[in-house]
N, C-alpha and C. Protein backbone atom coordinates (compact mmCIF):
# COMPACT_ATOMS: atom_id res chain seq x y z
N MET A 1 0.71 -1.25 0.23
CA MET A 1 -0.45 0.27 -0.40
C MET A 1 0.90 1.23 -0.02
N VAL A 2 0.99 2.32 -0.92
CA VAL A 2 1.58 3.11 -1.34
C VAL A 2 0.76 4.71 -0.97
N SER A 3 0.81 5.36 -0.09
CA SER A 3 -0.21 6.43 0.53
C SER A 3 0.47 7.47 -0.66
N SER A 4 1.24 8.46 -0.35
CA SER A 4 1.14 9.53 -1.37
C SER A 4 2.83 9.89 -1.63
N VAL A 5 3.25 10.44 -2.59
CA VAL A 5 4.23 10.97 -2.71
C VAL A 5 4.70 12.14 -2.41
N THR A 6 6.02 11.84 -1.72
CA THR A 6 6.50 12.98 -0.79
C THR A 6 7.77 13.50 -1.57
N THR A 7 7.83 14.89 -2.22
CA THR A 7 8.92 15.54 -2.83
C THR A 7 10.05 15.94 -1.94
N ILE A 8 11.08 15.51 -2.33
CA ILE A 8 12.62 15.89 -1.50
C ILE A 8 13.25 16.95 -2.67
N SER A 9 13.36 18.09 -2.28
CA SER A 9 14.00 19.14 -2.84
C SER A 9 15.41 18.82 -3.20
N GLU A 10 16.31 19.51 -4.25
CA GLU A 10 17.46 19.41 -4.29
C GLU A 10 18.09 20.42 -3.06
N PHE A 11 19.04 19.90 -2.66
CA PHE A 11 19.93 20.79 -1.59
C PHE A 11 20.13 22.31 -2.09
N SER A 12 20.48 23.53 -1.26
CA SER A 12 19.94 24.84 -1.66
C SER A 12 21.95 24.98 -2.02
N ALA A 13 22.17 26.40 -2.41
CA ALA A 13 23.23 26.60 -2.87
C ALA A 13 24.13 26.74 -1.58
N SER A 14 23.62 27.07 -0.45
CA SER A 14 24.04 27.21 1.01
C SER A 14 24.51 25.89 1.32
N ASP A 15 23.92 25.01 1.14
CA ASP A 15 24.69 23.46 1.07
C ASP A 15 25.66 23.17 0.22
N VAL A 16 26.11 23.52 -0.95
CA VAL A 16 27.23 23.46 -1.57
C VAL A 16 28.62 24.10 -1.04
N SER A 17 29.38 23.09 -0.93
CA SER A 17 30.63 23.52 -0.53
C SER A 17 31.30 24.98 -1.57
N LYS A 18 31.40 26.11 -0.67
CA LYS A 18 32.23 26.77 -1.53
C LYS A 18 33.48 26.55 -2.53
N ARG A 19 34.23 25.38 -2.19
CA ARG A 19 35.13 24.58 -3.10
C ARG A 19 34.49 24.04 -3.90
N SER A 20 33.76 23.50 -4.23
CA SER A 20 33.13 23.03 -5.24
C SER A 20 33.42 23.06 -6.56
N ARG A 21 34.16 23.03 -7.34
CA ARG A 21 34.43 23.26 -8.63
C ARG A 21 33.44 22.86 -10.16
N SER A 22 32.58 22.29 -9.63
CA SER A 22 31.66 21.33 -10.28
C SER A 22 30.68 22.77 -10.66
N PRO A 23 29.76 22.45 -11.85
CA PRO A 23 28.61 23.04 -12.12
C PRO A 23 27.39 22.80 -11.43
N GLU A 24 26.59 23.48 -11.33
CA GLU A 24 25.09 23.65 -10.69
C GLU A 24 24.68 22.12 -10.57
N PRO A 25 24.06 21.62 -9.64
CA PRO A 25 23.82 20.21 -9.57
C PRO A 25 22.60 20.21 -10.28
N THR A 26 22.47 19.01 -10.55
CA THR A 26 21.46 18.60 -11.34
C THR A 26 20.17 18.66 -10.98
N LYS A 27 19.06 18.92 -11.69
CA LYS A 27 17.98 19.20 -11.20
C LYS A 27 17.22 17.81 -11.33
N LYS A 28 17.45 16.87 -11.41
CA LYS A 28 17.42 15.83 -12.04
C LYS A 28 16.41 14.74 -10.32
N LYS A 29 14.86 14.41 -10.59
CA LYS A 29 14.91 13.96 -9.35
C LYS A 29 13.72 12.05 -9.86
N ILE A 30 14.02 11.58 -8.95
CA ILE A 30 13.25 9.99 -8.93
C ILE A 30 13.09 9.83 -7.82
N ASN A 31 11.65 8.92 -8.09
CA ASN A 31 10.56 8.01 -7.42
C ASN A 31 11.44 7.26 -6.53
N VAL A 32 11.70 6.80 -5.28
CA VAL A 32 12.11 6.54 -4.32
C VAL A 32 10.48 5.35 -3.32
N LYS A 33 11.10 4.36 -3.28
CA LYS A 33 9.98 4.11 -2.47
C LYS A 33 10.39 3.53 -1.12
N VAL A 34 9.93 4.03 0.13
CA VAL A 34 10.71 3.07 1.59
C VAL A 34 9.28 2.02 1.81
N LYS A 35 10.31 1.18 1.87
CA LYS A 35 9.55 -0.22 2.46
C LYS A 35 9.31 -0.78 4.32
N ASN A 36 8.40 -0.39 4.86
CA ASN A 36 8.53 -1.49 6.12
C ASN A 36 8.70 -2.14 6.39
N GLN A 37 9.64 -2.95 6.33
CA GLN A 37 9.75 -4.58 6.82
C GLN A 37 9.10 -5.04 7.60
N GLN A 38 8.18 -3.97 8.66
CA GLN A 38 7.97 -4.71 9.85
C GLN A 38 6.47 -5.20 9.27
N ASP A 39 5.92 -4.20 8.49
CA ASP A 39 4.32 -4.00 8.55
C ASP A 39 4.25 -4.20 6.75
N GLY A 40 5.21 -4.34 6.49
CA GLY A 40 4.66 -4.26 4.44
C GLY A 40 4.30 -3.03 4.02
N GLY A 41 4.07 -2.21 4.85
CA GLY A 41 3.80 -0.57 4.43
C GLY A 41 4.52 0.02 2.98
N SER A 42 4.23 0.77 2.53
CA SER A 42 5.73 2.14 1.76
C SER A 42 5.21 2.91 1.48
N ASP A 43 5.81 3.83 1.26
CA ASP A 43 5.60 5.20 1.24
C ASP A 43 6.51 6.02 -0.26
N MET A 44 5.96 6.61 -1.11
CA MET A 44 6.82 6.92 -2.23
C MET A 44 7.30 8.54 -1.96
N PHE A 45 8.38 8.49 -2.66
CA PHE A 45 9.53 10.04 -1.98
C PHE A 45 9.75 10.32 -3.49
N LYS A 46 9.96 11.76 -3.96
CA LYS A 46 10.42 12.35 -5.14
C LYS A 46 11.54 12.74 -4.54
N VAL A 47 12.81 12.68 -4.97
CA VAL A 47 14.16 13.03 -4.29
C VAL A 47 14.92 13.53 -5.37
N GLY A 48 15.37 14.49 -5.30
CA GLY A 48 16.81 15.07 -6.15
C GLY A 48 17.81 13.88 -5.85
N VAL A 49 18.65 13.66 -7.31
CA VAL A 49 19.48 13.02 -7.17
C VAL A 49 20.68 13.32 -6.33
N ASN A 50 21.11 15.06 -6.05
CA ASN A 50 22.15 15.03 -5.30
C ASN A 50 21.78 15.65 -4.12
N ALA A 51 20.37 15.21 -3.28
CA ALA A 51 20.10 15.67 -2.32
C ALA A 51 20.70 14.60 -1.17
N GLN A 52 20.73 14.89 0.10
CA GLN A 52 21.25 14.35 0.86
C GLN A 52 19.79 13.60 1.49
N LEU A 53 20.16 12.12 1.39
CA LEU A 53 19.00 11.03 2.01
C LEU A 53 18.68 11.21 3.70
N LYS A 54 19.37 12.29 4.58
CA LYS A 54 19.04 12.44 5.49
C LYS A 54 17.65 13.04 5.48
N LYS A 55 17.38 13.71 4.50
CA LYS A 55 15.76 14.73 4.26
C LYS A 55 14.64 13.62 4.36
N LEU A 56 14.93 12.82 3.75
CA LEU A 56 14.36 11.59 3.29
C LEU A 56 13.87 10.59 4.50
N MET A 57 15.35 10.61 5.43
CA MET A 57 15.02 9.53 6.62
C MET A 57 14.12 10.54 7.89
N THR A 58 14.74 11.76 7.95
CA THR A 58 13.84 12.21 8.61
C THR A 58 12.46 12.69 8.33
N ILE A 59 11.95 13.03 7.25
CA ILE A 59 10.48 13.32 6.75
C ILE A 59 10.19 11.90 7.02
N TYR A 60 10.34 10.50 6.80
CA TYR A 60 10.10 9.08 6.80
C TYR A 60 9.65 8.92 8.10
N CYS A 61 10.52 9.57 8.92
CA CYS A 61 10.18 9.31 10.51
C CYS A 61 9.26 10.21 11.23
N GLU A 62 9.05 11.25 10.69
CA GLU A 62 7.88 12.39 11.41
C GLU A 62 6.94 11.90 10.71
N LYS A 63 6.75 11.54 9.47
CA LYS A 63 5.81 11.14 9.10
C LYS A 63 4.81 9.68 10.08
N LYS A 64 5.62 9.00 10.04
CA LYS A 64 5.34 7.63 10.67
C LYS A 64 5.62 7.67 12.51
N ASN A 65 5.69 8.83 12.58
CA ASN A 65 6.06 9.12 14.45
C ASN A 65 7.21 8.27 14.95
N LEU A 66 8.11 8.29 14.29
CA LEU A 66 9.38 7.26 14.59
C LEU A 66 10.23 7.59 14.92
N ASP A 67 11.07 7.55 16.14
CA ASP A 67 12.43 7.51 16.71
C ASP A 67 13.01 7.77 15.73
N TYR A 68 14.29 8.95 15.16
CA TYR A 68 15.25 8.40 14.11
C TYR A 68 15.92 7.58 14.28
N ARG A 69 16.63 7.55 15.85
CA ARG A 69 17.46 6.74 16.10
C ARG A 69 17.41 5.33 16.27
N THR A 70 15.88 5.18 15.90
CA THR A 70 15.59 3.87 16.43
C THR A 70 15.35 2.86 14.89
N VAL A 71 15.69 3.19 13.87
CA VAL A 71 15.48 2.70 12.58
C VAL A 71 16.43 2.92 11.73
N ARG A 72 16.63 2.13 10.78
CA ARG A 72 17.49 1.52 9.92
C ARG A 72 17.10 1.48 8.34
N PHE A 73 17.37 2.42 7.62
CA PHE A 73 17.53 2.54 6.05
C PHE A 73 18.68 1.44 5.62
N ILE A 74 17.86 0.62 4.55
CA ILE A 74 19.21 -0.07 3.87
C ILE A 74 18.91 -0.10 2.68
N PHE A 75 19.91 -0.19 1.79
CA PHE A 75 19.66 -0.17 0.23
C PHE A 75 20.54 -0.60 -0.32
N ASP A 76 20.48 -1.77 -1.08
CA ASP A 76 21.45 -2.67 -1.80
C ASP A 76 22.34 -3.27 -0.46
N ASP A 77 21.53 -3.51 0.00
CA ASP A 77 22.18 -4.78 1.03
C ASP A 77 23.34 -4.25 2.18
N LYS A 78 23.09 -2.64 1.91
CA LYS A 78 24.00 -1.63 2.60
C LYS A 78 23.10 -0.38 3.67
N GLU A 79 23.75 -0.50 4.84
CA GLU A 79 22.88 0.65 5.68
C GLU A 79 22.90 2.21 5.25
N LEU A 80 21.87 2.53 4.77
CA LEU A 80 22.47 4.20 4.30
C LEU A 80 22.71 5.13 5.28
N LYS A 81 24.15 6.03 5.01
CA LYS A 81 24.34 6.86 5.93
C LYS A 81 23.51 8.41 5.48
N PRO A 82 23.21 9.18 6.35
CA PRO A 82 22.40 10.60 6.02
C PRO A 82 22.83 11.57 5.23
N ARG A 83 24.49 11.11 4.76
CA ARG A 83 25.22 12.18 3.72
C ARG A 83 24.95 11.46 2.79
N ASN A 84 24.59 10.62 2.55
CA ASN A 84 24.76 9.76 0.88
C ASN A 84 23.27 10.35 0.03
N THR A 85 23.72 10.38 -1.38
CA THR A 85 22.82 10.94 -1.68
C THR A 85 22.66 9.51 -2.91
N PRO A 86 21.23 9.72 -3.99
CA PRO A 86 20.78 8.89 -4.63
C PRO A 86 22.00 8.73 -5.98
N ALA A 87 22.40 9.96 -6.11
CA ALA A 87 23.83 10.09 -7.37
C ALA A 87 25.16 8.98 -6.80
N GLN A 88 25.36 9.15 -5.66
CA GLN A 88 26.28 8.36 -4.97
C GLN A 88 26.24 6.87 -4.89
N LEU A 89 24.88 6.68 -4.71
CA LEU A 89 24.17 5.05 -4.22
C LEU A 89 24.05 4.48 -5.80
N MET A 90 24.45 5.12 -7.02
CA MET A 90 23.72 4.67 -8.50
C MET A 90 22.11 4.52 -8.13
N MET A 91 21.28 5.21 -7.63
CA MET A 91 19.90 4.95 -7.10
C MET A 91 19.03 5.23 -8.07
N GLU A 92 17.87 4.23 -8.94
CA GLU A 92 17.52 4.59 -9.72
C GLU A 92 16.16 5.14 -9.67
N ASP A 93 15.17 5.13 -11.18
CA ASP A 93 14.03 5.67 -10.76
C ASP A 93 13.24 4.19 -9.99
N ASN A 94 12.35 4.22 -9.22
CA ASN A 94 11.55 3.57 -8.80
C ASN A 94 12.40 2.39 -7.84
N ASP A 95 13.62 2.89 -7.35
CA ASP A 95 14.25 1.86 -6.79
C ASP A 95 13.81 1.75 -5.02
N ILE A 96 13.95 0.84 -4.24
CA ILE A 96 13.37 0.61 -3.09
C ILE A 96 14.15 0.62 -1.93
N ILE A 97 14.33 1.59 -0.48
CA ILE A 97 14.61 0.95 0.05
C ILE A 97 13.97 0.95 1.61
N ASP A 98 14.82 -0.07 2.07
CA ASP A 98 13.97 -0.80 3.58
C ASP A 98 14.11 -0.06 4.55
N MET A 99 13.26 -0.20 5.31
CA MET A 99 13.53 0.78 6.97
C MET A 99 13.06 -0.30 7.71
N VAL A 100 14.02 -0.15 8.41
CA VAL A 100 13.88 -1.98 9.68
C VAL A 100 14.20 -1.02 10.95
N THR A 101 13.26 -1.83 12.21
CA THR A 101 13.56 -0.86 13.02
C THR A 101 14.33 -1.53 14.10
N ASP A 102 14.90 -0.70 14.77
CA ASP A 102 16.26 -1.97 15.65
C ASP A 102 15.42 -2.11 16.84
N LYS A 103 15.99 -3.53 17.61
CA LYS A 103 15.07 -4.06 18.68
C LYS A 103 16.12 -4.37 19.41
N ASP A 104 15.56 -3.60 21.02
CA ASP A 104 16.36 -3.94 21.90
C ASP A 104 16.52 -5.21 22.52
N GLY A 105 17.34 -5.36 23.65
CA GLY A 105 17.90 -6.87 23.96
C GLY A 105 18.67 -7.41 23.16
N GLY A 106 18.53 -8.81 23.84
CA GLY A 106 19.57 -9.99 23.55
C GLY A 106 19.11 -11.21 23.18
């Protein structure tokens, strides 16, 4: 079940390092699905390929009323870091990010 599409915009010019010699970041956006592994639900996000995934993670947690520190986001069998971008991870349109909740105890 996919609820709505949330758009995560490109990072602003103030987020770009002043030392960066690359031209303006591309404005391309892709659709990414975040799938909850516990309940099977999913949400679709439209995210800029050069936007840090921290925004997506934060918005997802706020939307689901989850503590950001208790969840992990997995793509291609690797845990995502907040500074990762879809471009760095070579994400394509309609890729799926798995969200899992950390369990306490042992």
